[in-house]
Protein backbone atom coordinates (compact mmCIF):
# COMPACT_ATOMS: atom_id res chain seq x y z
CA MET A 1 -174.75 -81.94 106.03
CA ALA A 2 -174.26 -85.14 108.01
CA PHE A 3 -173.90 -84.56 111.75
CA ARG A 4 -171.27 -86.77 113.35
CA THR A 5 -171.62 -85.89 117.02
CA THR A 6 -172.42 -89.34 118.38
CA VAL A 7 -170.12 -91.59 116.38
CA ASP A 8 -168.36 -94.02 118.73
CA ARG A 9 -169.55 -92.07 121.77
CA ASP A 10 -169.07 -93.83 125.09
CA VAL A 11 -172.63 -93.88 126.46
CA PRO A 12 -174.42 -96.61 128.42
CA GLU A 13 -176.49 -98.93 126.28
CA SER A 14 -179.61 -97.72 128.09
CA ALA A 15 -178.93 -94.19 126.83
CA ARG A 16 -178.37 -95.05 123.18
CA GLU A 17 -182.07 -95.09 122.35
CA LEU A 18 -182.45 -91.68 123.94
CA ILE A 19 -179.55 -90.27 121.93
CA GLU A 20 -181.01 -91.72 118.74
CA LEU A 21 -184.40 -90.17 119.53
CA VAL A 22 -182.74 -86.80 120.04
CA ARG A 23 -180.85 -87.11 116.77
CA THR A 24 -184.02 -88.04 114.88
CA ILE A 25 -186.04 -85.14 116.29
CA SER A 26 -183.19 -82.67 115.91
CA ASP A 27 -182.49 -83.61 112.30
CA ALA A 28 -186.17 -83.46 111.36
CA GLU A 29 -187.40 -80.49 113.39
CA LEU A 30 -184.45 -78.30 114.38
CA ALA A 31 -181.77 -78.36 111.70
CA PRO A 32 -184.09 -77.33 108.82
CA ARG A 33 -185.40 -74.30 110.76
CA ALA A 34 -182.34 -72.96 112.51
CA SER A 35 -180.81 -70.63 109.91
CA ALA A 36 -184.07 -68.99 108.85
CA HIS A 37 -185.31 -68.54 112.40
CA GLU A 38 -182.01 -67.06 113.59
CA ALA A 39 -182.14 -64.58 110.71
CA GLU A 40 -185.65 -63.48 111.68
CA GLY A 41 -185.32 -63.74 115.48
CA GLY A 42 -188.09 -64.42 117.95
CA PHE A 43 -188.81 -67.05 120.57
CA ALA A 44 -189.37 -70.58 119.20
CA GLY A 45 -192.02 -71.56 121.71
CA ASP A 46 -193.45 -74.30 119.51
CA VAL A 47 -190.06 -76.04 119.39
CA PHE A 48 -189.71 -76.03 123.17
CA GLY A 49 -193.26 -77.40 123.36
CA LEU A 50 -192.34 -80.22 121.00
CA LEU A 51 -189.23 -81.11 122.99
CA ALA A 52 -191.17 -80.91 126.26
CA ARG A 53 -193.74 -83.39 124.96
CA ALA A 54 -190.87 -85.69 124.02
CA GLY A 55 -189.52 -85.39 127.59
CA LEU A 56 -186.30 -83.69 126.48
CA THR A 57 -186.49 -80.45 128.48
CA THR A 58 -186.39 -82.09 131.93
CA LEU A 59 -183.97 -84.98 131.46
CA PRO A 60 -181.66 -84.50 134.50
CA MET A 61 -184.46 -83.72 136.94
CA PRO A 62 -185.64 -86.42 139.38
CA GLU A 63 -188.35 -88.71 138.08
CA GLU A 64 -190.60 -87.87 141.03
CA LEU A 65 -190.66 -84.28 139.78
CA GLY A 66 -191.65 -85.34 136.30
CA GLY A 67 -188.09 -85.39 135.01
CA GLY A 68 -186.18 -88.06 133.17
CA GLY A 69 -183.78 -88.94 135.97
CA VAL A 70 -180.88 -89.44 133.54
CA SER A 71 -177.26 -88.99 134.52
CA PHE A 72 -175.69 -85.59 133.97
CA PRO A 73 -173.21 -86.88 131.36
CA VAL A 74 -176.09 -88.27 129.27
CA TYR A 75 -178.07 -85.04 129.66
CA LEU A 76 -175.06 -83.02 128.48
CA GLN A 77 -174.64 -85.24 125.44
CA VAL A 78 -178.28 -84.60 124.60
CA LEU A 79 -177.59 -80.86 124.87
CA GLU A 80 -174.62 -81.29 122.55
CA GLU A 81 -176.77 -83.10 119.98
CA ILE A 82 -179.37 -80.33 120.04
CA ALA A 83 -176.72 -77.58 119.93
CA ALA A 84 -175.18 -79.13 116.85
CA ARG A 85 -178.44 -78.43 115.02
CA TRP A 86 -179.66 -75.25 116.75
CA VAL A 87 -177.72 -73.61 119.55
CA THR A 88 -180.58 -71.35 120.66
CA ILE A 89 -182.73 -74.32 121.61
CA ALA A 90 -179.97 -76.06 123.53
CA LEU A 91 -179.30 -72.82 125.43
CA GLY A 92 -182.98 -72.47 126.33
CA ILE A 93 -183.00 -75.99 127.78
CA SER A 94 -179.75 -75.42 129.65
CA VAL A 95 -181.07 -72.22 131.24
CA HIS A 96 -184.31 -74.01 132.11
CA THR A 97 -182.30 -76.69 133.92
CA LEU A 98 -180.29 -73.96 135.65
CA ALA A 99 -183.52 -72.28 136.81
CA CYS A 100 -185.01 -75.53 138.12
CA GLY A 101 -181.89 -76.68 139.99
CA PRO A 102 -182.27 -74.57 143.16
CA THR A 103 -185.80 -75.88 143.75
CA TRP A 104 -185.05 -79.54 143.20
CA ARG A 105 -181.90 -79.32 145.33
CA HIS A 106 -183.03 -76.96 148.12
CA GLY A 107 -186.81 -76.59 147.94
CA THR A 108 -189.39 -78.00 150.31
CA GLN A 109 -191.49 -80.95 149.21
CA GLN A 110 -194.36 -78.59 148.45
CA GLN A 111 -192.11 -76.37 146.33
CA LYS A 112 -190.79 -79.40 144.44
CA GLU A 113 -194.33 -80.59 143.75
CA ARG A 114 -195.27 -77.15 142.48
CA LEU A 115 -192.26 -77.19 140.16
CA ALA A 116 -193.37 -80.59 138.86
CA THR A 117 -196.68 -79.06 137.73
CA THR A 118 -194.98 -76.31 135.71
CA ILE A 119 -191.83 -77.79 134.16
CA ASP A 120 -193.64 -79.39 131.23
CA ARG A 121 -195.52 -76.19 130.30
CA GLY A 122 -192.52 -74.17 129.20
CA VAL A 123 -189.08 -72.98 130.19
CA GLY A 124 -187.79 -71.14 133.22
CA ALA A 125 -185.34 -68.24 133.51
CA TYR A 126 -182.41 -67.57 135.83
CA CYS A 127 -182.08 -64.02 137.19
CA LEU A 128 -178.73 -63.30 138.79
CA SER A 129 -176.88 -60.65 136.74
CA GLU A 130 -177.48 -56.92 136.93
CA SER A 131 -176.18 -54.23 134.60
CA HIS A 132 -173.49 -53.23 137.09
CA ALA A 133 -173.03 -56.68 138.65
CA GLY A 134 -172.46 -59.33 136.02
CA SER A 135 -169.35 -61.10 137.28
CA ASP A 136 -169.88 -59.88 140.86
CA PRO A 137 -173.33 -61.11 141.96
CA ALA A 138 -172.63 -60.14 145.57
CA ALA A 139 -172.87 -56.51 144.41
CA SER A 140 -176.52 -56.95 143.35
CA LEU A 141 -178.84 -54.11 144.32
CA SER A 142 -182.22 -55.71 143.56
CA ARG A 143 -183.80 -56.53 146.89
CA ALA A 144 -186.67 -58.24 148.64
CA VAL A 145 -187.95 -56.73 151.86
CA ALA A 146 -189.95 -58.76 154.37
CA SER A 147 -193.50 -57.46 154.78
CA GLY A 148 -196.12 -59.20 156.91
CA GLY A 149 -195.30 -62.80 156.13
CA SER A 150 -194.34 -62.13 152.52
CA TRP A 151 -191.74 -60.18 150.57
CA VAL A 152 -191.75 -57.12 148.33
CA ALA A 153 -189.24 -57.25 145.47
CA THR A 154 -187.76 -54.18 143.78
CA GLY A 155 -185.01 -53.84 141.19
CA THR A 156 -183.92 -54.92 137.74
CA LYS A 157 -182.06 -57.97 136.52
CA ALA A 158 -180.15 -57.79 133.21
CA TRP A 159 -179.15 -60.15 130.40
CA ILE A 160 -181.87 -62.67 131.23
CA THR A 161 -182.31 -65.51 128.74
CA ASN A 162 -185.96 -66.42 128.02
CA ALA A 163 -187.12 -63.12 129.57
CA GLY A 164 -190.74 -62.42 128.71
CA HIS A 165 -191.38 -66.02 127.67
CA ALA A 166 -190.50 -68.07 130.77
CA GLU A 167 -193.06 -69.63 133.08
CA PHE A 168 -191.06 -68.68 136.19
CA TYR A 169 -187.99 -66.67 137.18
CA THR A 170 -185.48 -68.07 139.68
CA SER A 171 -184.20 -64.80 141.11
CA PHE A 172 -181.52 -63.82 143.59
CA LEU A 173 -182.34 -60.71 145.61
CA ARG A 174 -180.73 -58.88 148.50
CA THR A 175 -182.50 -59.57 151.79
CA GLY A 176 -179.95 -58.00 154.10
CA GLU A 177 -176.54 -56.39 153.98
CA PRO A 178 -174.69 -56.15 150.64
CA GLY A 179 -173.76 -59.64 149.50
CA SER A 180 -176.58 -61.26 151.47
CA LEU A 181 -178.78 -62.75 148.76
CA SER A 182 -181.79 -65.03 148.95
CA CYS A 183 -183.30 -67.21 146.25
CA PHE A 184 -186.91 -66.80 145.09
CA VAL A 185 -188.86 -68.62 142.38
CA ILE A 186 -191.25 -66.00 140.97
CA PRO A 187 -194.15 -66.94 138.65
CA ALA A 188 -194.22 -64.97 135.40
CA ASP A 189 -197.71 -63.60 136.05
CA THR A 190 -196.78 -62.04 139.40
CA PRO A 191 -198.09 -58.42 139.50
CA GLY A 192 -195.19 -55.98 139.37
CA VAL A 193 -192.99 -58.19 137.16
CA SER A 194 -192.25 -56.70 133.73
CA PHE A 195 -189.78 -57.20 130.91
CA GLY A 196 -187.66 -54.90 128.80
CA VAL A 197 -187.29 -54.81 125.03
CA PRO A 198 -185.12 -57.73 123.87
CA GLU A 199 -181.49 -56.84 123.25
CA THR A 200 -180.21 -56.62 119.67
CA LYS A 201 -177.38 -59.14 119.65
CA MET A 202 -174.55 -60.34 117.44
CA GLY A 203 -175.86 -63.90 117.48
CA LEU A 204 -178.39 -66.22 119.13
CA LYS A 205 -181.14 -63.97 117.83
CA GLY A 206 -183.72 -66.69 118.42
CA SER A 207 -182.96 -66.57 122.15
CA PRO A 208 -184.58 -63.43 123.64
CA THR A 209 -182.37 -61.63 126.16
CA ALA A 210 -183.92 -58.78 128.14
CA THR A 211 -184.20 -57.13 131.52
CA VAL A 212 -186.61 -58.33 134.20
CA THR A 213 -187.92 -55.61 136.50
CA PHE A 214 -189.57 -56.07 139.88
CA ASP A 215 -191.71 -53.05 140.77
CA ALA A 216 -192.91 -53.65 144.32
CA ALA A 217 -193.75 -57.24 143.33
CA ALA A 218 -195.39 -59.11 146.20
CA LEU A 219 -193.81 -62.52 146.76
CA PRO A 220 -195.51 -65.07 149.04
CA ASP A 221 -193.20 -66.57 151.64
CA ASP A 222 -193.30 -69.96 149.92
CA THR A 223 -191.49 -68.50 146.90
CA LEU A 224 -188.33 -68.36 149.04
CA ILE A 225 -186.02 -71.31 148.27
CA GLY A 226 -183.75 -72.40 151.10
CA ALA A 227 -182.92 -70.15 154.01
CA VAL A 228 -182.77 -66.36 154.05
CA GLY A 229 -179.25 -65.32 153.08
CA GLN A 230 -178.43 -68.65 151.43
CA GLY A 231 -178.92 -67.29 147.92
CA LEU A 232 -175.31 -66.76 146.87
CA PRO A 233 -174.16 -70.34 147.63
CA ILE A 234 -177.28 -71.65 145.87
CA ALA A 235 -176.57 -69.44 142.86
CA LEU A 236 -172.93 -70.49 142.60
CA GLU A 237 -173.80 -74.17 142.99
CA ALA A 238 -176.29 -73.88 140.14
CA LEU A 239 -173.74 -72.04 137.99
CA ASP A 240 -171.25 -74.90 138.31
CA ALA A 241 -173.79 -77.22 136.69
CA GLY A 242 -174.77 -74.51 134.21
CA ARG A 243 -171.16 -74.13 133.09
CA LEU A 244 -171.14 -77.77 132.10
CA GLY A 245 -174.25 -77.09 130.04
CA VAL A 246 -172.49 -74.25 128.25
CA ALA A 247 -169.45 -76.47 127.65
CA ALA A 248 -171.60 -79.16 126.04
CA ILE A 249 -173.40 -76.59 123.88
CA ALA A 250 -170.05 -75.14 122.78
CA VAL A 251 -168.85 -78.61 121.79
CA GLY A 252 -171.99 -79.23 119.75
CA LEU A 253 -171.53 -75.92 117.96
CA ALA A 254 -167.84 -76.61 117.30
CA GLN A 255 -168.63 -80.10 116.02
CA SER A 256 -171.12 -78.63 113.55
CA ALA A 257 -168.53 -76.15 112.30
CA LEU A 258 -165.98 -78.93 111.91
CA ASP A 259 -168.43 -81.18 110.07
CA TYR A 260 -169.37 -78.42 107.67
CA ALA A 261 -165.76 -77.46 107.03
CA VAL A 262 -164.78 -81.09 106.35
CA ASP A 263 -167.65 -81.55 103.90
CA TYR A 264 -166.75 -78.32 102.12
CA ALA A 265 -163.05 -79.17 101.95
CA CYS A 266 -163.82 -82.59 100.48
CA ASP A 267 -166.00 -81.05 97.75
CA ARG A 268 -164.18 -77.80 96.90
CA GLU A 269 -161.57 -78.11 94.19
CA ALA A 270 -158.61 -75.82 93.60
CA PHE A 271 -155.53 -76.31 91.43
CA GLY A 272 -156.79 -79.68 90.23
CA SER A 273 -157.48 -81.26 93.62
CA THR A 274 -159.93 -81.03 96.49
CA ILE A 275 -158.62 -78.62 99.09
CA VAL A 276 -158.68 -81.26 101.83
CA ASP A 277 -155.68 -82.81 100.06
CA TYR A 278 -153.57 -79.75 100.82
CA GLN A 279 -151.67 -79.87 104.08
CA GLY A 280 -152.55 -76.29 104.97
CA VAL A 281 -156.23 -77.25 105.09
CA SER A 282 -155.96 -80.80 106.38
CA PHE A 283 -153.77 -79.76 109.32
CA LEU A 284 -156.21 -76.99 110.16
CA LEU A 285 -159.06 -79.51 110.18
CA ALA A 286 -156.99 -81.88 112.30
CA ASP A 287 -156.43 -79.20 114.93
CA MET A 288 -160.16 -78.43 114.90
CA ALA A 289 -160.99 -82.10 115.46
CA ALA A 290 -158.49 -82.35 118.32
CA ALA A 291 -160.04 -79.31 119.99
CA VAL A 292 -163.56 -80.75 119.72
CA GLU A 293 -162.62 -84.18 121.04
CA SER A 294 -160.56 -82.85 123.95
CA SER A 295 -163.33 -80.42 124.93
CA ARG A 296 -165.89 -83.22 124.92
CA ALA A 297 -163.70 -85.41 127.11
CA THR A 298 -163.20 -82.51 129.53
CA TYR A 299 -166.90 -81.76 130.08
CA LEU A 300 -167.77 -85.45 130.40
CA ALA A 301 -165.06 -85.99 133.02
CA ALA A 302 -166.39 -83.07 135.08
CA ALA A 303 -169.98 -84.32 134.75
CA ARG A 304 -169.00 -87.77 136.01
CA ARG A 305 -167.48 -86.17 139.12
CA MET A 306 -170.74 -84.31 139.65
CA ASP A 307 -172.78 -87.51 139.40
CA GLU A 308 -170.43 -89.25 141.83
CA GLY A 309 -171.04 -86.54 144.42
CA LYS A 310 -167.46 -85.25 144.24
CA SER A 311 -166.49 -81.59 144.15
CA PHE A 312 -166.50 -80.41 140.55
CA GLY A 313 -166.39 -76.61 140.64
CA ARG A 314 -162.82 -76.38 139.37
CA GLU A 315 -163.49 -79.02 136.73
CA ALA A 316 -166.66 -77.22 135.59
CA SER A 317 -164.72 -73.98 135.15
CA ILE A 318 -162.00 -75.80 133.22
CA ALA A 319 -164.58 -77.45 130.97
CA LYS A 320 -166.35 -74.17 130.30
CA LEU A 321 -163.08 -72.38 129.60
CA VAL A 322 -161.62 -75.07 127.36
CA ALA A 323 -164.80 -75.83 125.41
CA THR A 324 -165.86 -72.25 124.73
CA ASP A 325 -162.38 -71.04 123.76
CA ALA A 326 -162.19 -74.07 121.47
CA ALA A 327 -165.58 -73.27 119.94
CA MET A 328 -164.45 -69.73 119.15
CA LYS A 329 -161.26 -71.02 117.52
CA VAL A 330 -162.95 -73.87 115.63
CA THR A 331 -165.75 -71.73 114.23
CA THR A 332 -163.26 -69.04 113.18
CA ASP A 333 -161.15 -71.68 111.45
CA ALA A 334 -164.24 -73.08 109.74
CA VAL A 335 -164.83 -69.67 108.19
CA GLN A 336 -161.19 -69.68 107.08
CA VAL A 337 -161.53 -73.10 105.43
CA LEU A 338 -164.45 -71.82 103.37
CA GLY A 339 -162.62 -68.60 102.50
CA GLY A 340 -164.87 -65.94 101.02
CA ALA A 341 -167.79 -68.35 101.06
CA GLY A 342 -167.46 -68.61 104.82
CA TYR A 343 -168.04 -64.89 105.28
CA VAL A 344 -171.49 -64.81 103.68
CA SER A 345 -174.73 -66.13 105.08
CA ASP A 346 -175.18 -68.66 102.28
CA HIS A 347 -173.20 -70.96 104.57
CA PRO A 348 -173.89 -71.36 108.30
CA VAL A 349 -170.32 -71.06 109.53
CA GLU A 350 -170.51 -67.27 109.81
CA ARG A 351 -173.50 -67.73 112.12
CA TYR A 352 -171.63 -70.38 114.09
CA MET A 353 -168.77 -67.94 114.61
CA ARG A 354 -171.11 -65.23 115.90
CA GLU A 355 -172.85 -67.68 118.19
CA ALA A 356 -169.57 -68.97 119.62
CA LYS A 357 -168.48 -65.56 120.91
CA VAL A 358 -171.08 -65.30 123.66
CA MET A 359 -170.12 -68.73 124.96
CA GLN A 360 -166.94 -67.13 126.28
CA ILE A 361 -169.02 -64.55 128.15
CA PHE A 362 -172.14 -66.00 129.78
CA GLU A 363 -172.26 -68.24 132.86
CA GLY A 364 -169.14 -66.35 133.98
CA THR A 365 -166.67 -64.89 131.49
CA ASN A 366 -163.62 -66.96 130.70
CA GLN A 367 -161.53 -64.45 132.61
CA ILE A 368 -163.65 -65.28 135.67
CA GLN A 369 -163.15 -69.00 134.99
CA ARG A 370 -159.41 -68.47 135.09
CA MET A 371 -159.77 -66.69 138.43
CA VAL A 372 -161.85 -69.57 139.79
CA ILE A 373 -159.35 -72.17 138.60
CA GLY A 374 -156.42 -70.18 139.97
CA ARG A 375 -158.07 -69.87 143.38
CA HIS A 376 -158.71 -73.60 143.47
CA LEU A 377 -155.05 -74.23 142.68
CA ALA A 378 -153.88 -71.87 145.42
CA LYS A 379 -156.32 -73.36 147.91
CA SER A 380 -155.16 -76.90 147.21
CA ARG A 381 -151.51 -75.79 147.51
CA TYR A 382 -152.02 -74.05 150.86
CA ALA A 383 -153.93 -77.08 152.13
CA GLN A 384 -150.71 -79.08 151.78
CA ILE A 385 -148.63 -76.63 153.80
CA PRO A 386 -148.31 -77.39 157.54
CA LYS A 387 -150.40 -75.06 159.67
CA ALA A 388 -147.35 -73.57 161.43
CA GLN A 389 -145.85 -72.45 158.12
CA THR A 390 -149.16 -70.91 157.03
CA GLU A 391 -149.45 -68.94 160.27
CA ALA A 392 -145.85 -67.75 159.94
CA ARG A 393 -146.65 -66.28 156.52
CA SER A 394 -149.69 -64.34 157.75
């Protein structure tokens, strides 16, 4: 199958060589392995190592930390390219970026330098959710208690991508009253840190998801990122950027499904003609293409706001919502275009459909995204109302 994700893409000339490098590596090393590896499961550590050596796992991080220093829109387009060939790998990189963000944005110089020595050795993990507190991180029960100039961490985090394989775990633990979280970057080899059996999932079987347990794990004071009690704002800030990563991955997945469906429709004959010639199929493909293109434009617009230093939380939620709902619809329609052939594993569209579902769930369910967007709308509306009227209502 020919991947068409970068045709006529609006990227700076300086980024074109990078995009071409990503396409070359992805076509040669990722696409041929994806289906077989996803069927078998297991962590593709050698692939992350290959991409790390090519400088592709740290693209948006500052150059002084060993990163690529590229703009966020370019980084997201790289994620999309990788996702179009193998979603699991793109997700691993996105989560790694999510895990690194708090340190490069809020860490001390020493903490940033320590991160720079680890980011090229493997991926990181982001530990926020708990089994009872997925969409409500303020309800987290895992805690860190101050003890003689250090901290002792206890509790369990759930649904952690890269668990058991990450080099470090950016974790958010209670350090005070309920809702008072602090951010810690915990090395994988810290005594008292253990991992559960990987979950058996519908899709993304090459991306291990498991619990991370802290059993009286001693954390030196310099593992604390930012101030005590600052964890929730740090976590939410990182999630805004992470939602753009998910949006880009969803677009890459949807583009792959569209490409495959188009190729199939142009080759499959029925009633004396290729099925793409029938309006019922061609209109379906047209709607799929419109969904992919509009989703791409949405995530890129949000990423440009981020790079310009503007608020982008609402836009990130919109991009995540639009792109992941579109991916679910596009992959489902791709299965429909293939008919019975789309329902069997001889063709990848059934895998694409299974992989798309979780996009609507992680980094905040799409119901949560609607809540976030709605609150932003209400906030902007009330900001326009004169203070006297607002007080009269309360």
